[in-house]
Amino acid sequence: MMYLLETRERCVYVFGSERDAVAHAKGVDVEAGIWRFFDAGGAPLVAVFQGPHGQPASASGTYLLEPAPADVLRLQDILHEVRTGVVHGKLVSVAMLRELLAGAAAP
């Protein structure tokens, strides 16, 4: 499972795989800070862009996700800033997101 936080609307989208999450978040939007990534346990991930030689890294929009530095907040620590969530295309509450992160609910 993978969590994406859309920073403008403060909505968390839940995806079944990293591949699905990355396919949803365009590289240009990731670089602009519109999307933040978190793994199944809520640990933050950072996008590392891969670009052809001589072009800006984000020009290709291709990126990989790697663990963020230890000082970056976990999703659980910023849930108070989230307005809503989307799981399987359905709106869910922040309380449901909290339960998913704790493993108390199935996606």
PDB file of N, CA and C in Angstrom:
ATOM      1  N   MET A   1       0.847  -1.168   0.000  1.00  0.00           N
ATOM      2  CA  MET A   1       0.000   0.000   0.000  1.00  0.00           C
ATOM      3  C   MET A   1       0.897   1.237   0.000  1.00  0.00           C
ATOM      4  N   MET A   2       0.390   2.313  -0.600  1.00  0.00           N
ATOM      5  CA  MET A   2       1.131   3.565  -0.723  1.00  0.00           C
ATOM      6  C   MET A   2       0.154   4.714  -0.532  1.00  0.00           C
ATOM      7  N   TYR A   3       0.618   5.746   0.170  1.00  0.00           N
ATOM      8  CA  TYR A   3      -0.198   6.928   0.418  1.00  0.00           C
ATOM      9  C   TYR A   3       0.403   8.120  -0.317  1.00  0.00           C
ATOM     10  N   LEU A   4      -0.466   8.898  -0.969  1.00  0.00           N
ATOM     11  CA  LEU A   4      -0.055  10.138  -1.614  1.00  0.00           C
ATOM     12  C   LEU A   4      -0.850  11.271  -1.000  1.00  0.00           C
ATOM     13  N   LEU A   5      -0.149  12.298  -0.568  1.00  0.00           N
ATOM     14  CA  LEU A   5      -0.794  13.486  -0.038  1.00  0.00           C
ATOM     15  C   LEU A   5      -0.770  14.558  -1.115  1.00  0.00           C
ATOM     16  N   GLU A   6      -1.953  15.002  -1.526  1.00  0.00           N
ATOM     17  CA  GLU A   6      -2.079  16.109  -2.464  1.00  0.00           C
ATOM     18  C   GLU A   6      -2.102  17.359  -1.600  1.00  0.00           C
ATOM     19  N   THR A   7      -1.043  18.168  -1.705  1.00  0.00           N
ATOM     20  CA  THR A   7      -0.818  19.230  -0.736  1.00  0.00           C
ATOM     21  C   THR A   7      -1.737  20.432  -0.874  1.00  0.00           C
ATOM     22  N   ARG A   8      -2.298  20.668  -2.052  1.00  0.00           N
ATOM     23  CA  ARG A   8      -3.188  21.828  -2.218  1.00  0.00           C
ATOM     24  C   ARG A   8      -4.540  21.580  -1.562  1.00  0.00           C
ATOM     25  N   GLU A   9      -5.128  20.434  -1.853  1.00  0.00           N
ATOM     26  CA  GLU A   9      -6.449  20.091  -1.312  1.00  0.00           C
ATOM     27  C   GLU A   9      -6.352  19.367   0.029  1.00  0.00           C
ATOM     28  N   ARG A  10      -5.131  18.979   0.395  1.00  0.00           N
ATOM     29  CA  ARG A  10      -4.860  18.240   1.635  1.00  0.00           C
ATOM     30  C   ARG A  10      -5.685  16.948   1.708  1.00  0.00           C
ATOM     31  N   CYS A  11      -5.613  16.207   0.610  1.00  0.00           N
ATOM     32  CA  CYS A  11      -6.321  14.937   0.479  1.00  0.00           C
ATOM     33  C   CYS A  11      -5.292  13.814   0.341  1.00  0.00           C
ATOM     34  N   VAL A  12      -5.505  12.722   1.047  1.00  0.00           N
ATOM     35  CA  VAL A  12      -4.627  11.555   0.955  1.00  0.00           C
ATOM     36  C   VAL A  12      -5.297  10.515   0.076  1.00  0.00           C
ATOM     37  N   TYR A  13      -4.570  10.090  -0.952  1.00  0.00           N
ATOM     38  CA  TYR A  13      -5.023   9.027  -1.847  1.00  0.00           C
ATOM     39  C   TYR A  13      -4.279   7.756  -1.465  1.00  0.00           C
ATOM     40  N   VAL A  14      -5.005   6.652  -1.415  1.00  0.00           N
ATOM     41  CA  VAL A  14      -4.411   5.367  -1.055  1.00  0.00           C
ATOM     42  C   VAL A  14      -4.363   4.485  -2.293  1.00  0.00           C
ATOM     43  N   PHE A  15      -3.172   3.947  -2.587  1.00  0.00           N
ATOM     44  CA  PHE A  15      -2.967   3.082  -3.744  1.00  0.00           C
ATOM     45  C   PHE A  15      -2.474   1.722  -3.277  1.00  0.00           C
ATOM     46  N   GLY A  16      -2.785   0.714  -4.071  1.00  0.00           N
ATOM     47  CA  GLY A  16      -2.387  -0.647  -3.740  1.00  0.00           C
ATOM     48  C   GLY A  16      -0.912  -0.933  -3.957  1.00  0.00           C
ATOM     49  N   SER A  17      -0.255  -0.127  -4.800  1.00  0.00           N
ATOM     50  CA  SER A  17       1.156  -0.380  -5.092  1.00  0.00           C
ATOM     51  C   SER A  17       1.884   0.929  -5.381  1.00  0.00           C
ATOM     52  N   GLU A  18       3.193   0.884  -5.264  1.00  0.00           N
ATOM     53  CA  GLU A  18       4.022   2.038  -5.596  1.00  0.00           C
ATOM     54  C   GLU A  18       3.871   2.383  -7.072  1.00  0.00           C
ATOM     55  N   ARG A  19       3.798   1.380  -7.915  1.00  0.00           N
ATOM     56  CA  ARG A  19       3.657   1.607  -9.355  1.00  0.00           C
ATOM     57  C   ARG A  19       2.399   2.415  -9.656  1.00  0.00           C
ATOM     58  N   ASP A  20       1.284   2.057  -9.032  1.00  0.00           N
ATOM     59  CA  ASP A  20       0.033   2.775  -9.243  1.00  0.00           C
ATOM     60  C   ASP A  20       0.130   4.221  -8.731  1.00  0.00           C
ATOM     61  N   ALA A  21       0.777   4.405  -7.590  1.00  0.00           N
ATOM     62  CA  ALA A  21       0.923   5.742  -7.019  1.00  0.00           C
ATOM     63  C   ALA A  21       1.777   6.633  -7.917  1.00  0.00           C
ATOM     64  N   VAL A  22       2.898   6.102  -8.387  1.00  0.00           N
ATOM     65  CA  VAL A  22       3.794   6.866  -9.255  1.00  0.00           C
ATOM     66  C   VAL A  22       3.107   7.190 -10.579  1.00  0.00           C
ATOM     67  N   ALA A  23       2.317   6.271 -11.096  1.00  0.00           N
ATOM     68  CA  ALA A  23       1.592   6.520 -12.348  1.00  0.00           C
ATOM     69  C   ALA A  23       0.580   7.650 -12.172  1.00  0.00           C
ATOM     70  N   HIS A  24       0.069   7.816 -10.977  1.00  0.00           N
ATOM     71  CA  HIS A  24      -0.942   8.850 -10.706  1.00  0.00           C
ATOM     72  C   HIS A  24      -0.325  10.249 -10.581  1.00  0.00           C
ATOM     73  N   ALA A  25       0.880  10.333 -10.060  1.00  0.00           N
ATOM     74  CA  ALA A  25       1.509  11.623  -9.760  1.00  0.00           C
ATOM     75  C   ALA A  25       2.518  11.991 -10.848  1.00  0.00           C
ATOM     76  N   LYS A  26       2.160  12.978 -11.678  1.00  0.00           N
ATOM     77  CA  LYS A  26       3.048  13.426 -12.754  1.00  0.00           C
ATOM     78  C   LYS A  26       4.313  14.044 -12.168  1.00  0.00           C
ATOM     79  N   GLY A  27       5.429  13.778 -12.844  1.00  0.00           N
ATOM     80  CA  GLY A  27       6.719  14.270 -12.377  1.00  0.00           C
ATOM     81  C   GLY A  27       6.770  15.761 -12.150  1.00  0.00           C
ATOM     82  N   VAL A  28       6.195  16.531 -13.055  1.00  0.00           N
ATOM     83  CA  VAL A  28       6.223  17.987 -12.920  1.00  0.00           C
ATOM     84  C   VAL A  28       5.473  18.430 -11.664  1.00  0.00           C
ATOM     85  N   ASP A  29       4.398  17.741 -11.323  1.00  0.00           N
ATOM     86  CA  ASP A  29       3.637  18.067 -10.115  1.00  0.00           C
ATOM     87  C   ASP A  29       4.377  17.621  -8.853  1.00  0.00           C
ATOM     88  N   VAL A  30       5.072  16.493  -8.949  1.00  0.00           N
ATOM     89  CA  VAL A  30       5.867  16.015  -7.815  1.00  0.00           C
ATOM     90  C   VAL A  30       6.976  17.025  -7.518  1.00  0.00           C
ATOM     91  N   GLU A  31       7.662  17.462  -8.570  1.00  0.00           N
ATOM     92  CA  GLU A  31       8.749  18.420  -8.389  1.00  0.00           C
ATOM     93  C   GLU A  31       8.235  19.744  -7.825  1.00  0.00           C
ATOM     94  N   ALA A  32       7.023  20.131  -8.179  1.00  0.00           N
ATOM     95  CA  ALA A  32       6.427  21.368  -7.683  1.00  0.00           C
ATOM     96  C   ALA A  32       5.955  21.248  -6.232  1.00  0.00           C
ATOM     97  N   GLY A  33       6.022  20.060  -5.658  1.00  0.00           N
ATOM     98  CA  GLY A  33       5.619  19.869  -4.269  1.00  0.00           C
ATOM     99  C   GLY A  33       4.145  19.599  -4.075  1.00  0.00           C
ATOM    100  N   ILE A  34       3.439  19.320  -5.158  1.00  0.00           N
ATOM    101  CA  ILE A  34       2.007  19.054  -5.060  1.00  0.00           C
ATOM    102  C   ILE A  34       1.733  17.692  -4.438  1.00  0.00           C
ATOM    103  N   TRP A  35       2.628  16.733  -4.674  1.00  0.00           N
ATOM    104  CA  TRP A  35       2.452  15.379  -4.138  1.00  0.00           C
ATOM    105  C   TRP A  35       3.559  15.048  -3.153  1.00  0.00           C
ATOM    106  N   ARG A  36       3.160  14.411  -2.043  1.00  0.00           N
ATOM    107  CA  ARG A  36       4.120  13.836  -1.093  1.00  0.00           C
ATOM    108  C   ARG A  36       3.774  12.364  -0.948  1.00  0.00           C
ATOM    109  N   PHE A  37       4.786  11.533  -0.838  1.00  0.00           N
ATOM    110  CA  PHE A  37       4.629  10.083  -0.808  1.00  0.00           C
ATOM    111  C   PHE A  37       4.944   9.515   0.573  1.00  0.00           C
ATOM    112  N   PHE A  38       4.192   8.455   0.919  1.00  0.00           N
ATOM    113  CA  PHE A  38       4.405   7.747   2.182  1.00  0.00           C
ATOM    114  C   PHE A  38       4.200   6.260   1.932  1.00  0.00           C
ATOM    115  N   ASP A  39       5.015   5.435   2.572  1.00  0.00           N
ATOM    116  CA  ASP A  39       4.870   3.991   2.393  1.00  0.00           C
ATOM    117  C   ASP A  39       3.714   3.453   3.222  1.00  0.00           C
ATOM    118  N   ALA A  40       3.526   2.147   3.214  1.00  0.00           N
ATOM    119  CA  ALA A  40       2.386   1.515   3.890  1.00  0.00           C
ATOM    120  C   ALA A  40       2.347   1.800   5.384  1.00  0.00           C
ATOM    121  N   GLY A  41       3.503   2.019   5.992  1.00  0.00           N
ATOM    122  CA  GLY A  41       3.559   2.312   7.412  1.00  0.00           C
ATOM    123  C   GLY A  41       3.525   3.794   7.738  1.00  0.00           C
ATOM    124  N   GLY A  42       3.418   4.646   6.700  1.00  0.00           N
ATOM    125  CA  GLY A  42       3.370   6.086   6.915  1.00  0.00           C
ATOM    126  C   GLY A  42       4.720   6.776   6.865  1.00  0.00           C
ATOM    127  N   ALA A  43       5.794   6.015   6.592  1.00  0.00           N
ATOM    128  CA  ALA A  43       7.124   6.622   6.500  1.00  0.00           C
ATOM    129  C   ALA A  43       7.230   7.449   5.219  1.00  0.00           C
ATOM    130  N   PRO A  44       7.839   8.636   5.307  1.00  0.00           N
ATOM    131  CA  PRO A  44       7.924   9.505   4.134  1.00  0.00           C
ATOM    132  C   PRO A  44       8.929   8.992   3.106  1.00  0.00           C
ATOM    133  N   LEU A  45       8.613   9.252   1.853  1.00  0.00           N
ATOM    134  CA  LEU A  45       9.489   8.904   0.736  1.00  0.00           C
ATOM    135  C   LEU A  45       9.752  10.168  -0.069  1.00  0.00           C
ATOM    136  N   VAL A  46      10.910  10.222  -0.723  1.00  0.00           N
ATOM    137  CA  VAL A  46      11.234  11.360  -1.584  1.00  0.00           C
ATOM    138  C   VAL A  46      11.420  10.867  -3.006  1.00  0.00           C
ATOM    139  N   ALA A  47      11.067  11.737  -3.942  1.00  0.00           N
ATOM    140  CA  ALA A  47      11.231  11.422  -5.362  1.00  0.00           C
ATOM    141  C   ALA A  47      12.625  11.843  -5.807  1.00  0.00           C
ATOM    142  N   VAL A  48      13.295  10.922  -6.492  1.00  0.00           N
ATOM    143  CA  VAL A  48      14.601  11.197  -7.077  1.00  0.00           C
ATOM    144  C   VAL A  48      14.416  11.098  -8.578  1.00  0.00           C
ATOM    145  N   PHE A  49      14.599  12.213  -9.266  1.00  0.00           N
ATOM    146  CA  PHE A  49      14.322  12.271 -10.699  1.00  0.00           C
ATOM    147  C   PHE A  49      15.460  11.691 -11.520  1.00  0.00           C
ATOM    148  N   GLN A  50      15.061  11.021 -12.600  1.00  0.00           N
ATOM    149  CA  GLN A  50      15.988  10.412 -13.548  1.00  0.00           C
ATOM    150  C   GLN A  50      15.758  11.076 -14.891  1.00  0.00           C
ATOM    151  N   GLY A  51      16.711  11.842 -15.381  1.00  0.00           N
ATOM    152  CA  GLY A  51      16.520  12.528 -16.653  1.00  0.00           C
ATOM    153  C   GLY A  51      17.632  12.216 -17.632  1.00  0.00           C
ATOM    154  N   PRO A  52      17.341  12.333 -18.922  1.00  0.00           N
ATOM    155  CA  PRO A  52      18.375  12.145 -19.935  1.00  0.00           C
ATOM    156  C   PRO A  52      19.484  13.175 -19.771  1.00  0.00           C
ATOM    157  N   HIS A  53      20.691  12.805 -20.137  1.00  0.00           N
ATOM    158  CA  HIS A  53      21.842  13.697 -20.020  1.00  0.00           C
ATOM    159  C   HIS A  53      21.585  14.996 -20.777  1.00  0.00           C
ATOM    160  N   GLY A  54      21.848  16.123 -20.141  1.00  0.00           N
ATOM    161  CA  GLY A  54      21.687  17.413 -20.789  1.00  0.00           C
ATOM    162  C   GLY A  54      20.319  18.033 -20.628  1.00  0.00           C
ATOM    163  N   GLN A  55      19.380  17.322 -20.037  1.00  0.00           N
ATOM    164  CA  GLN A  55      18.044  17.873 -19.808  1.00  0.00           C
ATOM    165  C   GLN A  55      17.806  17.965 -18.311  1.00  0.00           C
ATOM    166  N   PRO A  56      16.949  18.892 -17.899  1.00  0.00           N
ATOM    167  CA  PRO A  56      16.608  18.920 -16.472  1.00  0.00           C
ATOM    168  C   PRO A  56      16.020  17.567 -16.054  1.00  0.00           C
ATOM    169  N   ALA A  57      16.322  17.149 -14.859  1.00  0.00           N
ATOM    170  CA  ALA A  57      15.877  15.833 -14.393  1.00  0.00           C
ATOM    171  C   ALA A  57      14.370  15.673 -14.487  1.00  0.00           C
ATOM    172  N   SER A  58      13.621  16.743 -14.218  1.00  0.00           N
ATOM    173  CA  SER A  58      12.167  16.618 -14.211  1.00  0.00           C
ATOM    174  C   SER A  58      11.562  16.678 -15.616  1.00  0.00           C
ATOM    175  N   ALA A  59      12.363  16.999 -16.641  1.00  0.00           N
ATOM    176  CA  ALA A  59      11.820  17.109 -17.996  1.00  0.00           C
ATOM    177  C   ALA A  59      11.195  15.797 -18.459  1.00  0.00           C
ATOM    178  N   SER A  60      11.808  14.682 -18.059  1.00  0.00           N
ATOM    179  CA  SER A  60      11.265  13.390 -18.456  1.00  0.00           C
ATOM    180  C   SER A  60      10.109  12.971 -17.561  1.00  0.00           C
ATOM    181  N   GLY A  61      10.039  13.562 -16.368  1.00  0.00           N
ATOM    182  CA  GLY A  61       8.985  13.206 -15.438  1.00  0.00           C
ATOM    183  C   GLY A  61       9.196  11.860 -14.772  1.00  0.00           C
ATOM    184  N   THR A  62      10.331  11.226 -15.044  1.00  0.00           N
ATOM    185  CA  THR A  62      10.611   9.915 -14.494  1.00  0.00           C
ATOM    186  C   THR A  62      11.322  10.048 -13.150  1.00  0.00           C
ATOM    187  N   TYR A  63      10.794   9.369 -12.160  1.00  0.00           N
ATOM    188  CA  TYR A  63      11.410   9.434 -10.835  1.00  0.00           C
ATOM    189  C   TYR A  63      11.268   8.103 -10.110  1.00  0.00           C
ATOM    190  N   LEU A  64      12.130   7.926  -9.133  1.00  0.00           N
ATOM    191  CA  LEU A  64      12.094   6.771  -8.235  1.00  0.00           C
ATOM    192  C   LEU A  64      11.819   7.287  -6.838  1.00  0.00           C
ATOM    193  N   LEU A  65      11.279   6.442  -5.991  1.00  0.00           N
ATOM    194  CA  LEU A  65      11.021   6.823  -4.605  1.00  0.00           C
ATOM    195  C   LEU A  65      12.044   6.170  -3.695  1.00  0.00           C
ATOM    196  N   GLU A  66      12.557   6.970  -2.780  1.00  0.00           N
ATOM    197  CA  GLU A  66      13.531   6.489  -1.802  1.00  0.00           C
ATOM    198  C   GLU A  66      13.113   6.965  -0.420  1.00  0.00           C
ATOM    199  N   PRO A  67      13.581   6.300   0.633  1.00  0.00           N
ATOM    200  CA  PRO A  67      13.256   6.763   1.981  1.00  0.00           C
ATOM    201  C   PRO A  67      13.737   8.200   2.196  1.00  0.00           C
ATOM    202  N   ALA A  68      12.925   8.974   2.884  1.00  0.00           N
ATOM    203  CA  ALA A  68      13.263  10.363   3.190  1.00  0.00           C
ATOM    204  C   ALA A  68      14.207  10.399   4.389  1.00  0.00           C
ATOM    205  N   PRO A  69      14.900  11.518   4.579  1.00  0.00           N
ATOM    206  CA  PRO A  69      15.740  11.661   5.770  1.00  0.00           C
ATOM    207  C   PRO A  69      14.915  11.481   7.047  1.00  0.00           C
ATOM    208  N   ALA A  70      15.588  11.107   8.105  1.00  0.00           N
ATOM    209  CA  ALA A  70      14.921  10.781   9.367  1.00  0.00           C
ATOM    210  C   ALA A  70      14.151  11.954   9.972  1.00  0.00           C
ATOM    211  N   ASP A  71      14.494  13.187   9.617  1.00  0.00           N
ATOM    212  CA  ASP A  71      13.823  14.336  10.218  1.00  0.00           C
ATOM    213  C   ASP A  71      12.521  14.731   9.518  1.00  0.00           C
ATOM    214  N   VAL A  72      12.149  14.032   8.446  1.00  0.00           N
ATOM    215  CA  VAL A  72      10.902  14.318   7.742  1.00  0.00           C
ATOM    216  C   VAL A  72       9.758  13.615   8.471  1.00  0.00           C
ATOM    217  N   LEU A  73       8.670  14.338   8.699  1.00  0.00           N
ATOM    218  CA  LEU A  73       7.544  13.808   9.472  1.00  0.00           C
ATOM    219  C   LEU A  73       6.833  12.663   8.759  1.00  0.00           C
ATOM    220  N   ARG A  74       6.374  11.720   9.567  1.00  0.00           N
ATOM    221  CA  ARG A  74       5.580  10.596   9.073  1.00  0.00           C
ATOM    222  C   ARG A  74       4.158  11.083   8.780  1.00  0.00           C
ATOM    223  N   LEU A  75       3.420  10.328   7.989  1.00  0.00           N
ATOM    224  CA  LEU A  75       2.050  10.690   7.667  1.00  0.00           C
ATOM    225  C   LEU A  75       1.199  10.811   8.930  1.00  0.00           C
ATOM    226  N   GLN A  76       1.408   9.918   9.881  1.00  0.00           N
ATOM    227  CA  GLN A  76       0.642   9.954  11.127  1.00  0.00           C
ATOM    228  C   GLN A  76       0.817  11.292  11.853  1.00  0.00           C
ATOM    229  N   ASP A  77       1.995  11.899  11.693  1.00  0.00           N
ATOM    230  CA  ASP A  77       2.302  13.146  12.388  1.00  0.00           C
ATOM    231  C   ASP A  77       1.652  14.364  11.746  1.00  0.00           C
ATOM    232  N   ILE A  78       1.169  14.238  10.517  1.00  0.00           N
ATOM    233  CA  ILE A  78       0.576  15.387   9.835  1.00  0.00           C
ATOM    234  C   ILE A  78      -0.895  15.157   9.463  1.00  0.00           C
ATOM    235  N   LEU A  79      -1.472  14.068   9.951  1.00  0.00           N
ATOM    236  CA  LEU A  79      -2.881  13.792   9.637  1.00  0.00           C
ATOM    237  C   LEU A  79      -3.814  14.900  10.095  1.00  0.00           C
ATOM    238  N   HIS A  80      -3.438  15.640  11.114  1.00  0.00           N
ATOM    239  CA  HIS A  80      -4.285  16.748  11.579  1.00  0.00           C
ATOM    240  C   HIS A  80      -4.420  17.837  10.517  1.00  0.00           C
ATOM    241  N   GLU A  81      -3.529  17.850   9.518  1.00  0.00           N
ATOM    242  CA  GLU A  81      -3.585  18.831   8.430  1.00  0.00           C
ATOM    243  C   GLU A  81      -4.399  18.329   7.231  1.00  0.00           C
ATOM    244  N   VAL A  82      -4.777  17.053   7.252  1.00  0.00           N
ATOM    245  CA  VAL A  82      -5.475  16.424   6.132  1.00  0.00           C
ATOM    246  C   VAL A  82      -6.976  16.665   6.262  1.00  0.00           C
ATOM    247  N   ARG A  83      -7.623  16.937   5.123  1.00  0.00           N
ATOM    248  CA  ARG A  83      -9.074  17.166   5.120  1.00  0.00           C
ATOM    249  C   ARG A  83      -9.866  15.886   4.882  1.00  0.00           C
ATOM    250  N   THR A  84      -9.386  15.042   3.964  1.00  0.00           N
ATOM    251  CA  THR A  84     -10.126  13.837   3.597  1.00  0.00           C
ATOM    252  C   THR A  84      -9.175  12.839   2.944  1.00  0.00           C
ATOM    253  N   GLY A  85      -9.722  11.673   2.630  1.00  0.00           N
ATOM    254  CA  GLY A  85      -8.953  10.650   1.941  1.00  0.00           C
ATOM    255  C   GLY A  85      -9.774  10.023   0.832  1.00  0.00           C
ATOM    256  N   VAL A  86      -9.076   9.317  -0.054  1.00  0.00           N
ATOM    257  CA  VAL A  86      -9.730   8.587  -1.136  1.00  0.00           C
ATOM    258  C   VAL A  86      -9.126   7.189  -1.176  1.00  0.00           C
ATOM    259  N   VAL A  87      -9.979   6.199  -0.997  1.00  0.00           N
ATOM    260  CA  VAL A  87      -9.565   4.793  -1.046  1.00  0.00           C
ATOM    261  C   VAL A  87     -10.453   4.090  -2.060  1.00  0.00           C
ATOM    262  N   HIS A  88      -9.847   3.466  -3.051  1.00  0.00           N
ATOM    263  CA  HIS A  88     -10.600   2.791  -4.115  1.00  0.00           C
ATOM    264  C   HIS A  88     -11.658   3.707  -4.730  1.00  0.00           C
ATOM    265  N   GLY A  89     -11.294   4.991  -4.906  1.00  0.00           N
ATOM    266  CA  GLY A  89     -12.199   5.943  -5.537  1.00  0.00           C
ATOM    267  C   GLY A  89     -13.301   6.482  -4.648  1.00  0.00           C
ATOM    268  N   LYS A  90     -13.318   6.092  -3.381  1.00  0.00           N
ATOM    269  CA  LYS A  90     -14.366   6.549  -2.465  1.00  0.00           C
ATOM    270  C   LYS A  90     -13.775   7.453  -1.392  1.00  0.00           C
ATOM    271  N   LEU A  91     -14.510   8.518  -1.078  1.00  0.00           N
ATOM    272  CA  LEU A  91     -14.078   9.408  -0.012  1.00  0.00           C
ATOM    273  C   LEU A  91     -14.139   8.692   1.332  1.00  0.00           C
ATOM    274  N   VAL A  92     -13.120   8.920   2.148  1.00  0.00           N
ATOM    275  CA  VAL A  92     -13.087   8.363   3.500  1.00  0.00           C
ATOM    276  C   VAL A  92     -12.647   9.471   4.456  1.00  0.00           C
ATOM    277  N   SER A  93     -12.920   9.263   5.706  1.00  0.00           N
ATOM    278  CA  SER A  93     -12.561  10.238   6.729  1.00  0.00           C
ATOM    279  C   SER A  93     -11.089  10.112   7.119  1.00  0.00           C
ATOM    280  N   VAL A  94     -10.617  11.135   7.796  1.00  0.00           N
ATOM    281  CA  VAL A  94      -9.256  11.093   8.336  1.00  0.00           C
ATOM    282  C   VAL A  94      -9.161   9.993   9.390  1.00  0.00           C
ATOM    283  N   ALA A  95     -10.230   9.766  10.118  1.00  0.00           N
ATOM    284  CA  ALA A  95     -10.246   8.679  11.107  1.00  0.00           C
ATOM    285  C   ALA A  95     -10.014   7.328  10.428  1.00  0.00           C
ATOM    286  N   MET A  96     -10.603   7.133   9.253  1.00  0.00           N
ATOM    287  CA  MET A  96     -10.381   5.886   8.512  1.00  0.00           C
ATOM    288  C   MET A  96      -8.931   5.782   8.057  1.00  0.00           C
ATOM    289  N   LEU A  97      -8.351   6.886   7.614  1.00  0.00           N
ATOM    290  CA  LEU A  97      -6.933   6.869   7.235  1.00  0.00           C
ATOM    291  C   LEU A  97      -6.066   6.488   8.430  1.00  0.00           C
ATOM    292  N   ARG A  98      -6.402   7.023   9.571  1.00  0.00           N
ATOM    293  CA  ARG A  98      -5.655   6.708  10.798  1.00  0.00           C
ATOM    294  C   ARG A  98      -5.741   5.206  11.105  1.00  0.00           C
ATOM    295  N   GLU A  99      -6.927   4.627  10.924  1.00  0.00           N
ATOM    296  CA  GLU A  99      -7.123   3.189  11.144  1.00  0.00           C
ATOM    297  C   GLU A  99      -6.322   2.364  10.134  1.00  0.00           C
ATOM    298  N   LEU A 100      -6.304   2.800   8.867  1.00  0.00           N
ATOM    299  CA  LEU A 100      -5.518   2.098   7.850  1.00  0.00           C
ATOM    300  C   LEU A 100      -4.041   2.111   8.212  1.00  0.00           C
ATOM    301  N   LEU A 101      -3.543   3.256   8.623  1.00  0.00           N
ATOM    302  CA  LEU A 101      -2.133   3.369   8.989  1.00  0.00           C
ATOM    303  C   LEU A 101      -1.788   2.504  10.200  1.00  0.00           C
ATOM    304  N   ALA A 102      -2.735   2.354  11.103  1.00  0.00           N
ATOM    305  CA  ALA A 102      -2.506   1.539  12.302  1.00  0.00           C
ATOM    306  C   ALA A 102      -2.710   0.056  12.022  1.00  0.00           C
ATOM    307  N   GLY A 103      -3.205  -0.268  10.820  1.00  0.00           N
ATOM    308  CA  GLY A 103      -3.459  -1.664  10.491  1.00  0.00           C
ATOM    309  C   GLY A 103      -4.754  -2.178  11.061  1.00  0.00           C
ATOM    310  N   ALA A 104      -5.594  -1.277  11.561  1.00  0.00           N
ATOM    311  CA  ALA A 104      -6.850  -1.686  12.187  1.00  0.00           C
ATOM    312  C   ALA A 104      -7.985  -1.816  11.186  1.00  0.00           C
ATOM    313  N   ALA A 105      -7.756  -1.389   9.940  1.00  0.00           N
ATOM    314  CA  ALA A 105      -8.800  -1.485   8.908  1.00  0.00           C
ATOM    315  C   ALA A 105      -8.173  -1.980   7.612  1.00  0.00           C
ATOM    316  N   ALA A 106      -8.967  -2.656   6.821  1.00  0.00           N
ATOM    317  CA  ALA A 106      -8.517  -3.112   5.504  1.00  0.00           C
ATOM    318  C   ALA A 106      -8.830  -2.031   4.486  1.00  0.00           C
ATOM    319  N   PRO A 107      -7.959  -1.867   3.462  1.00  0.00           N
ATOM    320  CA  PRO A 107      -8.206  -0.835   2.456  1.00  0.00           C
ATOM    321  C   PRO A 107      -9.431  -1.112   1.616  1.00  0.00           C
TER     322      PRO A 107
END
